[in-house]
Amino acid sequence: MQISILLTTVAKKSDARRLATTALQQRVAACIQIISGIESHFIWKDKKSTCREFLVLAKTTTRKLKSLETLWKKIHPYDCPELITLSGRAASSYARWLQTSVSR
């Protein structure tokens, strides 16, 4: 079964937790991981920037992906949020659990 992972970054752990909690409450993701301690380097408004961020990974079904993306766009604290989708196959038992988790 195909699954999707939507990833984003935020500056505050509280923002990462809000993204996770809201997605789980609305059943548009089955599992969310928050990874701390990443260092991002990027160009923003023609200036090189570096900052500490939290990486947020949400696992969902391909069918729920658009709903998750729409939700995160609405509540994300950044003006231009990074929303990147990775797609792939999952073990059948994990995929069944994921499907059940977002279908209730």
Protein backbone atom coordinates (compact mmCIF):
# COMPACT_ATOMS: atom_id res chain seq x y z
CA MET A 1 0.00 0.00 0.00
CA GLN A 2 1.21 3.50 -0.83
CA ILE A 3 1.63 5.90 2.07
CA SER A 4 2.72 9.52 2.24
CA ILE A 5 4.94 11.42 4.63
CA LEU A 6 4.47 15.17 4.84
CA LEU A 7 7.39 17.01 6.38
CA THR A 8 7.82 20.54 7.62
CA THR A 9 10.02 22.54 9.97
CA VAL A 10 9.19 25.01 12.73
CA ALA A 11 11.24 27.13 15.12
CA LYS A 12 9.42 26.23 18.35
CA LYS A 13 8.61 22.87 19.90
CA SER A 14 5.19 24.21 20.89
CA ASP A 15 4.42 24.87 17.20
CA ALA A 16 5.54 21.33 16.28
CA ARG A 17 3.31 19.90 18.99
CA ARG A 18 0.36 22.01 17.79
CA LEU A 19 0.80 20.71 14.23
CA ALA A 20 0.98 17.14 15.56
CA THR A 21 -1.96 17.40 17.95
CA THR A 22 -4.26 19.08 15.45
CA ALA A 23 -3.48 16.57 12.68
CA LEU A 24 -4.09 13.62 14.99
CA GLN A 25 -7.30 15.09 16.40
CA GLN A 26 -8.64 15.64 12.88
CA ARG A 27 -7.49 12.14 11.86
CA VAL A 28 -5.55 13.31 8.83
CA ALA A 29 -2.35 11.64 10.07
CA ALA A 30 -1.73 8.42 11.97
CA CYS A 31 1.71 9.12 13.43
CA ILE A 32 3.77 12.25 13.81
CA GLN A 33 7.41 12.46 14.80
CA ILE A 34 9.12 15.60 16.06
CA ILE A 35 12.88 15.67 15.67
CA SER A 36 14.76 18.35 17.56
CA GLY A 37 18.21 19.80 17.13
CA ILE A 38 18.33 20.30 13.38
CA GLU A 39 20.22 23.25 11.97
CA SER A 40 18.77 24.79 8.83
CA HIS A 41 20.71 26.91 6.34
CA PHE A 42 18.72 28.77 3.72
CA ILE A 43 18.27 31.95 1.68
CA TRP A 44 15.32 34.08 2.78
CA LYS A 45 14.62 37.52 1.32
CA ASP A 46 18.03 37.52 -0.42
CA LYS A 47 19.90 36.88 2.82
CA LYS A 48 21.63 33.70 3.99
CA SER A 49 20.12 32.54 7.27
CA THR A 50 20.82 29.82 9.79
CA CYS A 51 18.52 28.71 12.58
CA ARG A 52 17.67 25.85 14.88
CA GLU A 53 14.44 24.11 14.00
CA PHE A 54 12.28 21.10 14.70
CA LEU A 55 11.53 18.66 11.89
CA VAL A 56 7.96 17.39 11.89
CA LEU A 57 7.17 14.18 9.96
CA ALA A 58 3.55 13.13 9.52
CA LYS A 59 2.61 9.70 8.19
CA THR A 60 -0.70 9.48 6.37
CA THR A 61 -2.52 7.79 3.53
CA THR A 62 -2.33 9.17 0.02
CA ARG A 63 -6.08 9.87 0.27
CA LYS A 64 -5.68 12.04 3.42
CA LEU A 65 -2.55 13.88 2.26
CA LYS A 66 -4.33 16.89 0.72
CA SER A 67 -6.41 17.39 3.90
CA LEU A 68 -3.27 17.26 6.04
CA GLU A 69 -1.46 19.73 3.78
CA THR A 70 -4.43 22.13 3.80
CA LEU A 71 -4.63 21.95 7.60
CA TRP A 72 -0.94 22.60 8.10
CA LYS A 73 -0.95 25.52 5.64
CA LYS A 74 -3.72 27.09 7.70
CA ILE A 75 -2.08 26.73 11.14
CA HIS A 76 1.64 26.83 10.27
CA PRO A 77 3.50 29.78 11.87
CA TYR A 78 5.74 30.48 8.86
CA ASP A 79 4.83 32.82 5.99
CA CYS A 80 6.17 30.29 3.51
CA PRO A 81 6.05 26.86 5.17
CA GLU A 82 8.12 24.00 3.87
CA LEU A 83 5.63 21.26 3.03
CA ILE A 84 7.34 18.40 1.25
CA THR A 85 5.75 15.05 0.47
CA LEU A 86 7.56 11.75 0.33
CA SER A 87 5.66 8.74 -0.96
CA GLY A 88 6.42 5.08 -0.83
CA ARG A 89 5.30 1.64 0.16
CA ALA A 90 4.89 0.40 3.70
CA ALA A 91 4.81 -3.07 5.19
CA SER A 92 1.26 -4.40 4.94
CA SER A 93 0.68 -4.55 8.71
CA TYR A 94 1.87 -0.96 9.18
CA ALA A 95 -0.15 0.24 6.20
CA ARG A 96 -3.31 -1.40 7.59
CA TRP A 97 -2.75 0.27 10.97
CA LEU A 98 -2.18 3.64 9.30
CA GLN A 99 -5.33 3.27 7.17
CA THR A 100 -7.41 2.33 10.22
CA SER A 101 -6.01 5.23 12.26
CA VAL A 102 -7.09 7.90 9.79
CA SER A 103 -10.41 6.27 8.94
CA ARG A 104 -12.11 6.39 12.33
